[in-house]
Each structure stands twice: as C-alpha cells, then as structure tokens.
C-alpha cells in the first residue's frame, strides 16, 4: 500500500513538472510515466486519464499553497518567514498553478478567485488604505503572478534563474523593496484617485 502511495506521489510530482514545462497538451502520459519511473498503465490505474491527473495536480497544488500560507504567515507570522524555507516548496507550485491558469484549468481559475478573496479580507483587517479592496487584491495578485508569466523576460533582464535560491531571493527582495515604501506622494495619490468623470 505504501508503495502505491509513493508511486502516486511520484506520478503527481512528475506531472506537475512536465505540465509546468510543456503545458497539458505538450506532456503525454508516456512522458509523465518516464519522468516518474512508472508504467503508463499505473498512471491510468491511479488517475484514469490525463485530465483527471491534471485535476489531481491542480487540487494538490492549490491545497498545498493554502497550507503553506497558513503555516508560514498565519501561524509563524510573516516577520518570521525565511526565503530559504519558502522557495523550494512554493516556487514549483506557483509556476505550475500559473501555467495551469493559462491552460484554462477551472480549478486554477477558482484558486485565483479564492486568492483575491483572501487578499481582500487580509487588506480589510491589516490597515490597507483603499476605496476598493477587491480591486486592490485582484491587481496585487496579478502583479505577483505576472512574474511567472513573464519569467523568461525577467530572467533575461536580471541574468539569473529565479527558480534557484539566489534568483528567488533576488526576486523576493525586489518585491519587499516595492511593497515596503510608497512610490507616490500623498498629493500625487490623492490626485490619481480622483474620479475621472
């Protein structure tokens, strides 16, 4: 039984890797089986179809990301979170989920909405100044995910692989620098908030 669970996890992890690299259309069951070191028949035994495997990967990645958020932010406190702790686990899941969103996954699209809702509630209870909490959360979510959509351009510009510990740390420090200081004066912000009508 434990061997079956281990094989199932290996299949899932191999599928996450190949779906991220190639998209769901570009990764065949045979490719995933080779990557996982199992037979194609074992994949069909555990998951039934490639679409069902993708759904299992989506659900796993979604649940694991929410678990990480609770563990690292809600339980430990953001001030105690280390990049070295977060990067090896979160980066593959983040890149997978963004690719899955781009491939039209309903589960990944629902995760985007859940993330926006979570961010909206967080903003309301953490002193964020805005007239539109939903827009604030949706835009900041897109900004963070956009890093993965434009990963090739970002890495070319920085001359570093953001999947490495050093690259991810550099990316995170840039986010910290952006989010920890205002980019506009209060007067500029007030002017830009004016209703155009």
N, C-alpha and C. Protein backbone atom coordinates (compact mmCIF):
# COMPACT_ATOMS: atom_id res chain seq x y z
N UNK A 1 0.82 -1.20 0.00
CA UNK A 1 0.00 0.00 0.00
C UNK A 1 0.86 1.26 0.00
N UNK A 2 1.91 1.27 0.83
CA UNK A 2 2.80 2.43 0.87
C UNK A 2 3.49 2.64 -0.47
N UNK A 3 3.81 1.51 -1.16
CA UNK A 3 4.43 1.63 -2.47
C UNK A 3 3.48 2.32 -3.45
N UNK A 4 2.18 1.99 -3.37
CA UNK A 4 1.20 2.63 -4.24
C UNK A 4 1.13 4.13 -3.96
N UNK A 5 1.13 4.49 -2.67
CA UNK A 5 1.07 5.91 -2.32
C UNK A 5 2.32 6.63 -2.82
N UNK A 6 3.47 6.01 -2.68
CA UNK A 6 4.71 6.61 -3.15
C UNK A 6 4.68 6.78 -4.67
N UNK A 7 4.19 5.74 -5.37
CA UNK A 7 4.10 5.82 -6.83
C UNK A 7 3.13 6.92 -7.24
N UNK A 8 2.01 7.03 -6.55
CA UNK A 8 1.02 8.07 -6.85
C UNK A 8 1.64 9.47 -6.68
N UNK A 9 2.39 9.65 -5.61
CA UNK A 9 3.04 10.94 -5.37
C UNK A 9 4.11 11.22 -6.43
N UNK A 10 4.86 10.19 -6.83
CA UNK A 10 5.87 10.37 -7.88
C UNK A 10 5.22 10.76 -9.19
N UNK A 11 4.10 10.12 -9.51
CA UNK A 11 3.37 10.45 -10.74
C UNK A 11 2.89 11.90 -10.67
N UNK A 12 2.30 12.27 -9.56
CA UNK A 12 1.80 13.64 -9.40
C UNK A 12 2.92 14.65 -9.56
N UNK A 13 4.04 14.42 -8.89
CA UNK A 13 5.16 15.37 -8.96
C UNK A 13 5.74 15.45 -10.37
N UNK A 14 5.82 14.30 -11.05
CA UNK A 14 6.31 14.30 -12.44
C UNK A 14 5.36 15.06 -13.34
N UNK A 15 4.07 14.87 -13.13
CA UNK A 15 3.07 15.57 -13.95
C UNK A 15 3.14 17.08 -13.70
N UNK A 16 3.28 17.48 -12.46
CA UNK A 16 3.40 18.91 -12.15
C UNK A 16 4.60 19.50 -12.87
N UNK A 17 5.71 18.79 -12.84
CA UNK A 17 6.93 19.28 -13.51
C UNK A 17 6.71 19.41 -15.02
N UNK A 18 6.18 18.36 -15.65
CA UNK A 18 6.04 18.39 -17.11
C UNK A 18 4.89 19.29 -17.56
N UNK A 19 3.80 19.34 -16.82
CA UNK A 19 2.72 20.27 -17.18
C UNK A 19 3.21 21.71 -17.09
N UNK A 20 4.07 21.99 -16.11
CA UNK A 20 4.63 23.34 -15.97
C UNK A 20 5.52 23.67 -17.17
N UNK A 21 6.37 22.74 -17.54
CA UNK A 21 7.32 22.98 -18.63
C UNK A 21 6.67 23.01 -20.00
N UNK A 22 5.67 22.14 -20.23
CA UNK A 22 5.14 21.94 -21.58
C UNK A 22 3.67 22.28 -21.74
N UNK A 23 2.96 22.51 -20.65
CA UNK A 23 1.52 22.66 -20.73
C UNK A 23 0.87 21.29 -20.79
N UNK A 24 -0.43 21.24 -20.56
CA UNK A 24 -1.10 19.94 -20.52
C UNK A 24 -1.09 19.25 -21.87
N UNK A 25 -1.19 20.02 -22.94
CA UNK A 25 -1.19 19.41 -24.28
C UNK A 25 0.17 18.84 -24.65
N UNK A 26 1.22 19.47 -24.16
CA UNK A 26 2.57 19.06 -24.55
C UNK A 26 3.17 17.94 -23.74
N UNK A 27 2.50 17.52 -22.67
CA UNK A 27 3.02 16.45 -21.81
C UNK A 27 2.15 15.22 -21.96
N UNK A 28 2.70 14.16 -22.52
CA UNK A 28 1.92 12.94 -22.73
C UNK A 28 1.97 12.05 -21.48
N UNK A 29 1.03 11.12 -21.41
CA UNK A 29 1.03 10.13 -20.33
C UNK A 29 2.35 9.36 -20.33
N UNK A 30 2.81 9.01 -21.53
CA UNK A 30 4.08 8.27 -21.64
C UNK A 30 5.25 9.09 -21.08
N UNK A 31 5.29 10.40 -21.40
CA UNK A 31 6.35 11.27 -20.88
C UNK A 31 6.31 11.33 -19.35
N UNK A 32 5.11 11.45 -18.82
CA UNK A 32 4.95 11.54 -17.37
C UNK A 32 5.37 10.23 -16.71
N UNK A 33 5.00 9.11 -17.33
CA UNK A 33 5.39 7.80 -16.80
C UNK A 33 6.91 7.66 -16.77
N UNK A 34 7.57 8.08 -17.86
CA UNK A 34 9.03 8.01 -17.92
C UNK A 34 9.65 8.88 -16.83
N UNK A 35 9.15 10.09 -16.68
CA UNK A 35 9.67 11.01 -15.66
C UNK A 35 9.49 10.44 -14.25
N UNK A 36 8.36 9.77 -14.03
CA UNK A 36 8.06 9.22 -12.69
C UNK A 36 8.68 7.86 -12.46
N UNK A 37 9.17 7.23 -13.54
CA UNK A 37 9.75 5.90 -13.40
C UNK A 37 8.71 4.81 -13.17
N UNK A 38 7.54 4.99 -13.81
CA UNK A 38 6.46 4.01 -13.68
C UNK A 38 5.92 3.69 -15.08
N UNK A 39 4.98 2.76 -15.14
CA UNK A 39 4.36 2.43 -16.42
C UNK A 39 3.17 3.35 -16.69
N UNK A 40 2.84 3.50 -17.97
CA UNK A 40 1.66 4.29 -18.32
C UNK A 40 0.41 3.68 -17.71
N UNK A 41 0.39 2.34 -17.64
CA UNK A 41 -0.76 1.66 -17.05
C UNK A 41 -0.98 2.02 -15.59
N UNK A 42 0.12 2.25 -14.86
CA UNK A 42 -0.01 2.62 -13.44
C UNK A 42 -0.62 4.01 -13.31
N UNK A 43 -0.30 4.89 -14.24
CA UNK A 43 -0.91 6.22 -14.22
C UNK A 43 -2.42 6.08 -14.44
N UNK A 44 -2.80 5.28 -15.41
CA UNK A 44 -4.23 5.08 -15.67
C UNK A 44 -4.92 4.40 -14.48
N UNK A 45 -4.20 3.50 -13.82
CA UNK A 45 -4.76 2.83 -12.63
C UNK A 45 -5.06 3.84 -11.53
N UNK A 46 -4.10 4.75 -11.29
CA UNK A 46 -4.26 5.72 -10.20
C UNK A 46 -5.18 6.88 -10.56
N UNK A 47 -5.13 7.34 -11.80
CA UNK A 47 -5.82 8.59 -12.15
C UNK A 47 -6.87 8.45 -13.25
N UNK A 48 -6.78 7.42 -14.06
CA UNK A 48 -7.79 7.20 -15.09
C UNK A 48 -7.50 7.87 -16.41
N UNK A 49 -7.21 9.17 -16.41
CA UNK A 49 -6.96 9.92 -17.63
C UNK A 49 -6.01 11.08 -17.34
N UNK A 50 -5.49 11.66 -18.41
CA UNK A 50 -4.60 12.81 -18.23
C UNK A 50 -5.35 13.99 -17.62
N UNK A 51 -6.62 14.17 -18.03
CA UNK A 51 -7.41 15.28 -17.49
C UNK A 51 -7.64 15.09 -15.98
N UNK A 52 -7.91 13.85 -15.57
CA UNK A 52 -8.10 13.57 -14.14
C UNK A 52 -6.79 13.76 -13.38
N UNK A 53 -5.67 13.41 -14.01
CA UNK A 53 -4.36 13.63 -13.39
C UNK A 53 -4.11 15.11 -13.22
N UNK A 54 -4.42 15.89 -14.26
CA UNK A 54 -4.24 17.35 -14.15
C UNK A 54 -5.11 17.92 -13.02
N UNK A 55 -6.34 17.43 -12.90
CA UNK A 55 -7.21 17.91 -11.83
C UNK A 55 -6.64 17.56 -10.46
N UNK A 56 -6.08 16.36 -10.34
CA UNK A 56 -5.46 15.96 -9.07
C UNK A 56 -4.26 16.85 -8.75
N UNK A 57 -3.47 17.19 -9.79
CA UNK A 57 -2.32 18.09 -9.60
C UNK A 57 -2.79 19.48 -9.19
N UNK A 58 -3.84 19.97 -9.85
CA UNK A 58 -4.39 21.28 -9.50
C UNK A 58 -4.83 21.31 -8.04
N UNK A 59 -5.58 20.28 -7.64
CA UNK A 59 -6.10 20.23 -6.27
C UNK A 59 -4.97 20.15 -5.26
N UNK A 60 -3.96 19.33 -5.56
CA UNK A 60 -2.82 19.21 -4.66
C UNK A 60 -2.08 20.54 -4.53
N UNK A 61 -1.79 21.17 -5.68
CA UNK A 61 -1.04 22.44 -5.65
C UNK A 61 -1.83 23.52 -4.92
N UNK A 62 -3.12 23.59 -5.19
CA UNK A 62 -3.97 24.57 -4.51
C UNK A 62 -3.95 24.35 -3.00
N UNK A 63 -4.22 23.11 -2.58
CA UNK A 63 -4.29 22.81 -1.15
C UNK A 63 -2.96 23.03 -0.47
N UNK A 64 -1.87 22.66 -1.15
CA UNK A 64 -0.53 22.82 -0.55
C UNK A 64 -0.17 24.30 -0.42
N UNK A 65 -0.54 25.12 -1.40
CA UNK A 65 -0.24 26.55 -1.30
C UNK A 65 -1.02 27.19 -0.16
N UNK A 66 -2.29 26.82 0.01
CA UNK A 66 -3.06 27.36 1.13
C UNK A 66 -2.49 26.87 2.46
N UNK A 67 -2.05 25.62 2.51
CA UNK A 67 -1.44 25.09 3.72
C UNK A 67 -0.17 25.88 4.05
N UNK A 68 0.65 26.15 3.02
CA UNK A 68 1.87 26.93 3.23
C UNK A 68 1.55 28.33 3.74
N UNK A 69 0.51 28.94 3.17
CA UNK A 69 0.12 30.28 3.61
C UNK A 69 -0.24 30.27 5.08
N UNK A 70 -1.02 29.27 5.48
CA UNK A 70 -1.43 29.19 6.89
C UNK A 70 -0.22 28.95 7.79
N UNK A 71 0.65 28.03 7.37
CA UNK A 71 1.81 27.70 8.21
C UNK A 71 2.79 28.86 8.32
N UNK A 72 3.10 29.47 7.18
CA UNK A 72 4.17 30.46 7.14
C UNK A 72 3.74 31.86 7.51
N UNK A 73 2.49 32.19 7.25
CA UNK A 73 2.04 33.56 7.50
C UNK A 73 1.14 33.61 8.73
N UNK A 74 0.08 32.81 8.73
CA UNK A 74 -0.88 32.90 9.83
C UNK A 74 -0.30 32.33 11.13
N UNK A 75 0.45 31.23 11.07
CA UNK A 75 0.94 30.58 12.28
C UNK A 75 2.30 31.13 12.72
N UNK A 76 3.26 31.23 11.79
CA UNK A 76 4.59 31.72 12.16
C UNK A 76 4.67 33.24 12.19
N UNK A 77 3.84 33.91 11.39
CA UNK A 77 3.93 35.36 11.27
C UNK A 77 4.87 35.71 10.14
N UNK A 78 4.44 36.61 9.27
CA UNK A 78 5.23 36.96 8.09
C UNK A 78 6.63 37.44 8.45
N UNK A 79 6.76 38.09 9.61
CA UNK A 79 8.06 38.61 10.02
C UNK A 79 9.06 37.49 10.32
N UNK A 80 8.57 36.26 10.51
CA UNK A 80 9.44 35.13 10.83
C UNK A 80 9.69 34.21 9.63
N UNK A 81 9.16 34.56 8.47
CA UNK A 81 9.27 33.69 7.30
C UNK A 81 10.63 33.91 6.62
N UNK A 82 11.29 32.81 6.29
CA UNK A 82 12.58 32.87 5.62
C UNK A 82 12.42 32.46 4.15
N UNK A 83 13.09 33.16 3.26
CA UNK A 83 13.06 32.82 1.84
C UNK A 83 13.56 31.40 1.63
N UNK A 84 14.57 31.01 2.39
CA UNK A 84 15.15 29.68 2.25
C UNK A 84 14.13 28.59 2.58
N UNK A 85 13.19 28.90 3.47
CA UNK A 85 12.15 27.94 3.84
C UNK A 85 11.07 27.88 2.77
N UNK A 86 10.71 29.02 2.21
CA UNK A 86 9.59 29.11 1.28
C UNK A 86 9.94 28.63 -0.12
N UNK A 87 11.08 29.03 -0.64
CA UNK A 87 11.40 28.85 -2.06
C UNK A 87 11.33 27.42 -2.58
N UNK A 88 11.96 26.45 -1.92
CA UNK A 88 11.98 25.11 -2.52
C UNK A 88 10.59 24.48 -2.65
N UNK A 89 9.68 24.84 -1.77
CA UNK A 89 8.34 24.25 -1.81
C UNK A 89 7.40 25.08 -2.67
N UNK A 90 7.42 26.40 -2.49
CA UNK A 90 6.41 27.23 -3.13
C UNK A 90 6.68 27.50 -4.60
N UNK A 91 7.95 27.62 -5.00
CA UNK A 91 8.23 28.01 -6.38
C UNK A 91 7.67 27.03 -7.41
N UNK A 92 7.90 25.72 -7.27
CA UNK A 92 7.33 24.80 -8.26
C UNK A 92 5.81 24.83 -8.30
N UNK A 93 5.19 25.01 -7.15
CA UNK A 93 3.73 25.06 -7.10
C UNK A 93 3.20 26.35 -7.73
N UNK A 94 3.87 27.46 -7.46
CA UNK A 94 3.46 28.74 -8.05
C UNK A 94 3.54 28.69 -9.57
N UNK A 95 4.67 28.19 -10.08
CA UNK A 95 4.84 28.15 -11.53
C UNK A 95 3.84 27.18 -12.16
N UNK A 96 3.59 26.07 -11.48
CA UNK A 96 2.61 25.11 -12.00
C UNK A 96 1.22 25.75 -12.07
N UNK A 97 0.80 26.39 -10.99
CA UNK A 97 -0.56 26.95 -10.95
C UNK A 97 -0.75 28.05 -11.99
N UNK A 98 0.26 28.87 -12.19
CA UNK A 98 0.16 29.91 -13.22
C UNK A 98 0.02 29.27 -14.60
N UNK A 99 0.81 28.23 -14.88
CA UNK A 99 0.70 27.54 -16.17
C UNK A 99 -0.68 26.90 -16.32
N UNK A 100 -1.18 26.34 -15.23
CA UNK A 100 -2.49 25.70 -15.27
C UNK A 100 -3.59 26.74 -15.53
N UNK A 101 -3.46 27.92 -14.94
CA UNK A 101 -4.41 29.00 -15.22
C UNK A 101 -4.37 29.36 -16.70
N UNK A 102 -3.17 29.48 -17.25
CA UNK A 102 -3.01 29.83 -18.66
C UNK A 102 -3.56 28.75 -19.58
N UNK A 103 -3.55 27.49 -19.10
CA UNK A 103 -4.07 26.37 -19.88
C UNK A 103 -5.58 26.19 -19.72
N UNK A 104 -6.22 27.07 -18.94
CA UNK A 104 -7.67 27.05 -18.83
C UNK A 104 -8.24 26.16 -17.74
N UNK A 105 -7.45 25.81 -16.74
CA UNK A 105 -7.94 24.97 -15.66
C UNK A 105 -8.99 25.70 -14.82
N UNK A 106 -10.15 25.06 -14.64
CA UNK A 106 -11.19 25.65 -13.81
C UNK A 106 -10.76 25.70 -12.35
N UNK A 107 -10.04 24.67 -11.90
CA UNK A 107 -9.57 24.63 -10.51
C UNK A 107 -8.58 25.76 -10.26
N UNK A 108 -7.66 25.98 -11.19
CA UNK A 108 -6.68 27.06 -11.03
C UNK A 108 -7.36 28.42 -11.10
N UNK A 109 -8.36 28.56 -11.98
CA UNK A 109 -9.10 29.82 -12.06
C UNK A 109 -9.85 30.09 -10.75
N UNK A 110 -10.42 29.02 -10.17
CA UNK A 110 -11.11 29.18 -8.89
C UNK A 110 -10.12 29.56 -7.80
N UNK A 111 -8.90 29.01 -7.87
CA UNK A 111 -7.87 29.37 -6.90
C UNK A 111 -7.53 30.85 -7.00
N UNK A 112 -7.47 31.36 -8.23
CA UNK A 112 -7.20 32.79 -8.39
C UNK A 112 -8.26 33.60 -7.65
N UNK A 113 -9.53 33.23 -7.83
CA UNK A 113 -10.61 33.96 -7.16
C UNK A 113 -10.51 33.82 -5.64
N UNK A 114 -10.17 32.64 -5.16
CA UNK A 114 -10.01 32.44 -3.72
C UNK A 114 -8.87 33.30 -3.18
N UNK A 115 -7.79 33.38 -3.96
CA UNK A 115 -6.65 34.20 -3.54
C UNK A 115 -7.04 35.66 -3.45
N UNK A 116 -7.81 36.12 -4.43
CA UNK A 116 -8.28 37.51 -4.41
C UNK A 116 -9.17 37.75 -3.19
N UNK A 117 -10.06 36.81 -2.91
CA UNK A 117 -10.95 36.96 -1.75
C UNK A 117 -10.16 36.96 -0.44
N UNK A 118 -9.17 36.08 -0.34
CA UNK A 118 -8.32 36.03 0.84
C UNK A 118 -7.57 37.36 1.00
N UNK A 119 -7.00 37.86 -0.10
CA UNK A 119 -6.28 39.13 -0.05
C UNK A 119 -7.18 40.29 0.32
N UNK A 120 -8.41 40.25 -0.17
CA UNK A 120 -9.37 41.31 0.15
C UNK A 120 -9.66 41.34 1.66
N UNK A 121 -9.89 40.17 2.23
CA UNK A 121 -10.15 40.10 3.67
C UNK A 121 -8.92 40.50 4.47
N UNK A 122 -7.73 40.07 4.01
CA UNK A 122 -6.50 40.44 4.68
C UNK A 122 -6.32 41.96 4.67
N UNK A 123 -6.56 42.58 3.53
CA UNK A 123 -6.39 44.03 3.41
C UNK A 123 -7.32 44.78 4.36
N UNK A 124 -8.53 44.29 4.50
CA UNK A 124 -9.52 44.95 5.36
C UNK A 124 -9.11 44.90 6.83
N UNK A 125 -8.37 43.87 7.22
CA UNK A 125 -8.01 43.73 8.64
C UNK A 125 -6.57 44.14 8.94
N UNK A 126 -5.84 44.62 7.93
CA UNK A 126 -4.44 44.99 8.14
C UNK A 126 -4.14 46.44 7.75
N UNK A 127 -5.13 47.27 7.78
CA UNK A 127 -4.91 48.70 7.62
C UNK A 127 -4.58 49.18 6.23
N UNK A 128 -4.89 48.41 5.20
CA UNK A 128 -4.65 48.87 3.83
C UNK A 128 -5.60 50.02 3.53
N UNK A 129 -5.07 51.09 2.94
CA UNK A 129 -5.88 52.25 2.61
C UNK A 129 -6.31 52.15 1.15
N UNK A 130 -7.61 51.95 0.94
CA UNK A 130 -8.16 51.87 -0.41
C UNK A 130 -9.67 52.03 -0.35
N UNK A 131 -10.24 52.54 -1.43
CA UNK A 131 -11.70 52.61 -1.54
C UNK A 131 -12.28 51.35 -2.17
N UNK A 132 -11.41 50.47 -2.68
CA UNK A 132 -11.86 49.29 -3.41
C UNK A 132 -10.96 48.11 -3.07
N UNK A 133 -11.30 47.40 -1.98
CA UNK A 133 -10.47 46.29 -1.51
C UNK A 133 -10.38 45.17 -2.54
N UNK A 134 -11.47 44.90 -3.26
CA UNK A 134 -11.45 43.83 -4.25
C UNK A 134 -10.46 44.16 -5.37
N UNK A 135 -10.50 45.38 -5.88
CA UNK A 135 -9.57 45.76 -6.95
C UNK A 135 -8.14 45.73 -6.45
N UNK A 136 -7.91 46.20 -5.22
CA UNK A 136 -6.56 46.18 -4.64
C UNK A 136 -6.02 44.77 -4.64
N UNK A 137 -6.82 43.83 -4.14
CA UNK A 137 -6.37 42.45 -4.04
C UNK A 137 -6.19 41.80 -5.41
N UNK A 138 -7.13 42.04 -6.32
CA UNK A 138 -7.03 41.44 -7.66
C UNK A 138 -5.79 41.94 -8.39
N UNK A 139 -5.52 43.22 -8.31
CA UNK A 139 -4.37 43.79 -9.02
C UNK A 139 -3.06 43.29 -8.42
N UNK A 140 -2.98 43.24 -7.11
CA UNK A 140 -1.73 42.78 -6.49
C UNK A 140 -1.50 41.30 -6.77
N UNK A 141 -2.58 40.52 -6.85
CA UNK A 141 -2.45 39.09 -7.19
C UNK A 141 -1.92 38.93 -8.61
N UNK A 142 -2.46 39.71 -9.54
CA UNK A 142 -1.97 39.66 -10.93
C UNK A 142 -0.52 40.12 -11.02
N UNK A 143 -0.16 41.14 -10.27
CA UNK A 143 1.23 41.62 -10.28
C UNK A 143 2.18 40.51 -9.84
N UNK A 144 1.82 39.80 -8.78
CA UNK A 144 2.68 38.74 -8.26
C UNK A 144 2.76 37.56 -9.23
N UNK A 145 1.62 37.19 -9.82
CA UNK A 145 1.61 36.07 -10.75
C UNK A 145 2.25 36.43 -12.09
N UNK A 146 2.21 37.70 -12.44
CA UNK A 146 2.80 38.16 -13.70
C UNK A 146 4.29 37.86 -13.79
N UNK A 147 4.95 37.78 -12.66
CA UNK A 147 6.37 37.43 -12.62
C UNK A 147 6.59 36.08 -13.28
N UNK A 148 5.65 35.16 -13.08
CA UNK A 148 5.80 33.81 -13.63
C UNK A 148 5.38 33.76 -15.10
N UNK A 149 4.42 34.59 -15.47
CA UNK A 149 4.00 34.64 -16.87
C UNK A 149 5.13 35.20 -17.74
N UNK A 150 5.80 36.21 -17.23
CA UNK A 150 6.89 36.86 -17.97
C UNK A 150 8.25 36.43 -17.43
N UNK A 151 8.32 35.20 -16.99
CA UNK A 151 9.55 34.69 -16.37
C UNK A 151 10.76 34.79 -17.30
N UNK A 152 10.61 34.41 -18.56
CA UNK A 152 11.75 34.44 -19.49
C UNK A 152 12.32 35.84 -19.60
N UNK A 153 11.43 36.83 -19.74
CA UNK A 153 11.87 38.22 -19.88
C UNK A 153 12.53 38.71 -18.59
N UNK A 154 11.94 38.34 -17.46
CA UNK A 154 12.50 38.75 -16.17
C UNK A 154 13.90 38.16 -15.98
N UNK A 155 14.04 36.87 -16.27
CA UNK A 155 15.34 36.23 -16.07
C UNK A 155 16.39 36.78 -17.02
N UNK A 156 15.98 37.11 -18.22
CA UNK A 156 16.93 37.70 -19.18
C UNK A 156 17.39 39.07 -18.68
N UNK A 157 16.45 39.83 -18.15
CA UNK A 157 16.79 41.16 -17.65
C UNK A 157 17.71 41.11 -16.43
N UNK A 158 17.46 40.15 -15.54
CA UNK A 158 18.25 40.03 -14.31
C UNK A 158 19.47 39.13 -14.48
N UNK A 159 19.52 38.39 -15.59
CA UNK A 159 20.60 37.43 -15.84
C UNK A 159 20.71 36.43 -14.69
N UNK A 160 19.55 35.90 -14.27
CA UNK A 160 19.54 34.92 -13.18
C UNK A 160 18.30 34.04 -13.32
N UNK A 161 18.42 32.80 -12.91
CA UNK A 161 17.30 31.85 -12.93
C UNK A 161 16.53 32.01 -11.62
N UNK A 162 15.27 32.44 -11.70
CA UNK A 162 14.52 32.71 -10.46
C UNK A 162 14.06 31.44 -9.76
N UNK A 163 14.29 30.27 -10.37
CA UNK A 163 13.97 29.03 -9.68
C UNK A 163 15.08 28.61 -8.72
N UNK A 164 16.24 29.25 -8.82
CA UNK A 164 17.33 28.96 -7.89
C UNK A 164 17.11 29.76 -6.60
N UNK A 165 17.77 29.33 -5.54
CA UNK A 165 17.63 30.02 -4.25
C UNK A 165 18.06 31.49 -4.39
N UNK A 166 19.18 31.74 -5.08
CA UNK A 166 19.66 33.12 -5.25
C UNK A 166 18.70 33.95 -6.09
N UNK A 167 18.21 33.35 -7.18
CA UNK A 167 17.29 34.07 -8.04
C UNK A 167 15.98 34.39 -7.34
N UNK A 168 15.44 33.42 -6.61
CA UNK A 168 14.19 33.63 -5.89
C UNK A 168 14.37 34.69 -4.79
N UNK A 169 15.53 34.65 -4.13
CA UNK A 169 15.82 35.65 -3.09
C UNK A 169 15.88 37.05 -3.69
N UNK A 170 16.50 37.16 -4.86
CA UNK A 170 16.60 38.48 -5.51
C UNK A 170 15.22 38.99 -5.91
N UNK A 171 14.39 38.09 -6.45
CA UNK A 171 13.02 38.44 -6.80
C UNK A 171 12.24 38.88 -5.57
N UNK A 172 12.35 38.12 -4.49
CA UNK A 172 11.61 38.44 -3.27
C UNK A 172 12.06 39.76 -2.68
N UNK A 173 13.37 40.01 -2.69
CA UNK A 173 13.86 41.30 -2.16
C UNK A 173 13.32 42.47 -2.98
N UNK A 174 13.19 42.28 -4.28
CA UNK A 174 12.62 43.34 -5.12
C UNK A 174 11.16 43.61 -4.72
N UNK A 175 10.39 42.51 -4.52
CA UNK A 175 9.01 42.68 -4.07
C UNK A 175 8.97 43.41 -2.73
N UNK A 176 9.84 43.01 -1.81
CA UNK A 176 9.89 43.65 -0.49
C UNK A 176 10.18 45.13 -0.63
N UNK A 177 11.17 45.47 -1.45
CA UNK A 177 11.51 46.88 -1.65
C UNK A 177 10.34 47.66 -2.23
N UNK A 178 9.62 47.05 -3.19
CA UNK A 178 8.48 47.73 -3.81
C UNK A 178 7.35 47.92 -2.80
N UNK A 179 7.03 46.85 -2.06
CA UNK A 179 5.88 46.89 -1.17
C UNK A 179 6.14 47.62 0.15
N UNK A 180 7.40 47.86 0.48
CA UNK A 180 7.69 48.44 1.80
C UNK A 180 7.87 49.96 1.77
N UNK A 181 7.71 50.58 0.60
CA UNK A 181 7.85 52.03 0.56
C UNK A 181 6.88 52.63 -0.45
N UNK A 182 6.32 53.78 -0.13
CA UNK A 182 5.38 54.41 -1.07
C UNK A 182 6.12 54.92 -2.30
N UNK A 183 5.46 54.78 -3.44
CA UNK A 183 6.04 55.26 -4.70
C UNK A 183 5.48 56.62 -5.11
N UNK A 184 4.42 57.05 -4.42
CA UNK A 184 3.78 58.33 -4.71
C UNK A 184 3.72 59.18 -3.46
N UNK A 185 3.74 60.48 -3.65
CA UNK A 185 3.49 61.38 -2.52
C UNK A 185 1.99 61.34 -2.20
N UNK A 186 1.59 61.74 -1.01
CA UNK A 186 0.15 61.78 -0.69
C UNK A 186 -0.63 62.65 -1.68
N UNK A 187 -0.02 63.73 -2.14
CA UNK A 187 -0.70 64.62 -3.10
C UNK A 187 -0.91 63.93 -4.45
N UNK A 188 0.12 63.24 -4.92
CA UNK A 188 0.01 62.51 -6.17
C UNK A 188 -1.05 61.42 -6.08
N UNK A 189 -1.05 60.72 -4.96
CA UNK A 189 -2.02 59.64 -4.77
C UNK A 189 -3.45 60.20 -4.77
N UNK A 190 -3.66 61.30 -4.05
CA UNK A 190 -5.00 61.89 -3.99
C UNK A 190 -5.46 62.35 -5.37
N UNK A 191 -4.55 62.93 -6.13
CA UNK A 191 -4.90 63.40 -7.48
C UNK A 191 -5.27 62.23 -8.39
N UNK A 192 -4.50 61.14 -8.32
CA UNK A 192 -4.75 59.98 -9.17
C UNK A 192 -6.02 59.22 -8.78
N UNK A 193 -6.44 59.39 -7.50
CA UNK A 193 -7.66 58.71 -7.05
C UNK A 193 -8.93 59.43 -7.48
N UNK A 194 -8.79 60.65 -7.96
CA UNK A 194 -9.99 61.44 -8.33
C UNK A 194 -10.78 60.74 -9.40
N UNK A 195 -12.08 60.83 -9.29
CA UNK A 195 -12.98 60.23 -10.28
C UNK A 195 -12.82 60.99 -11.59
N UNK A 196 -12.51 60.29 -12.70
CA UNK A 196 -12.28 60.98 -13.97
C UNK A 196 -13.52 61.68 -14.53
N UNK A 197 -14.69 61.25 -14.08
CA UNK A 197 -15.92 61.91 -14.57
C UNK A 197 -16.14 63.17 -13.79
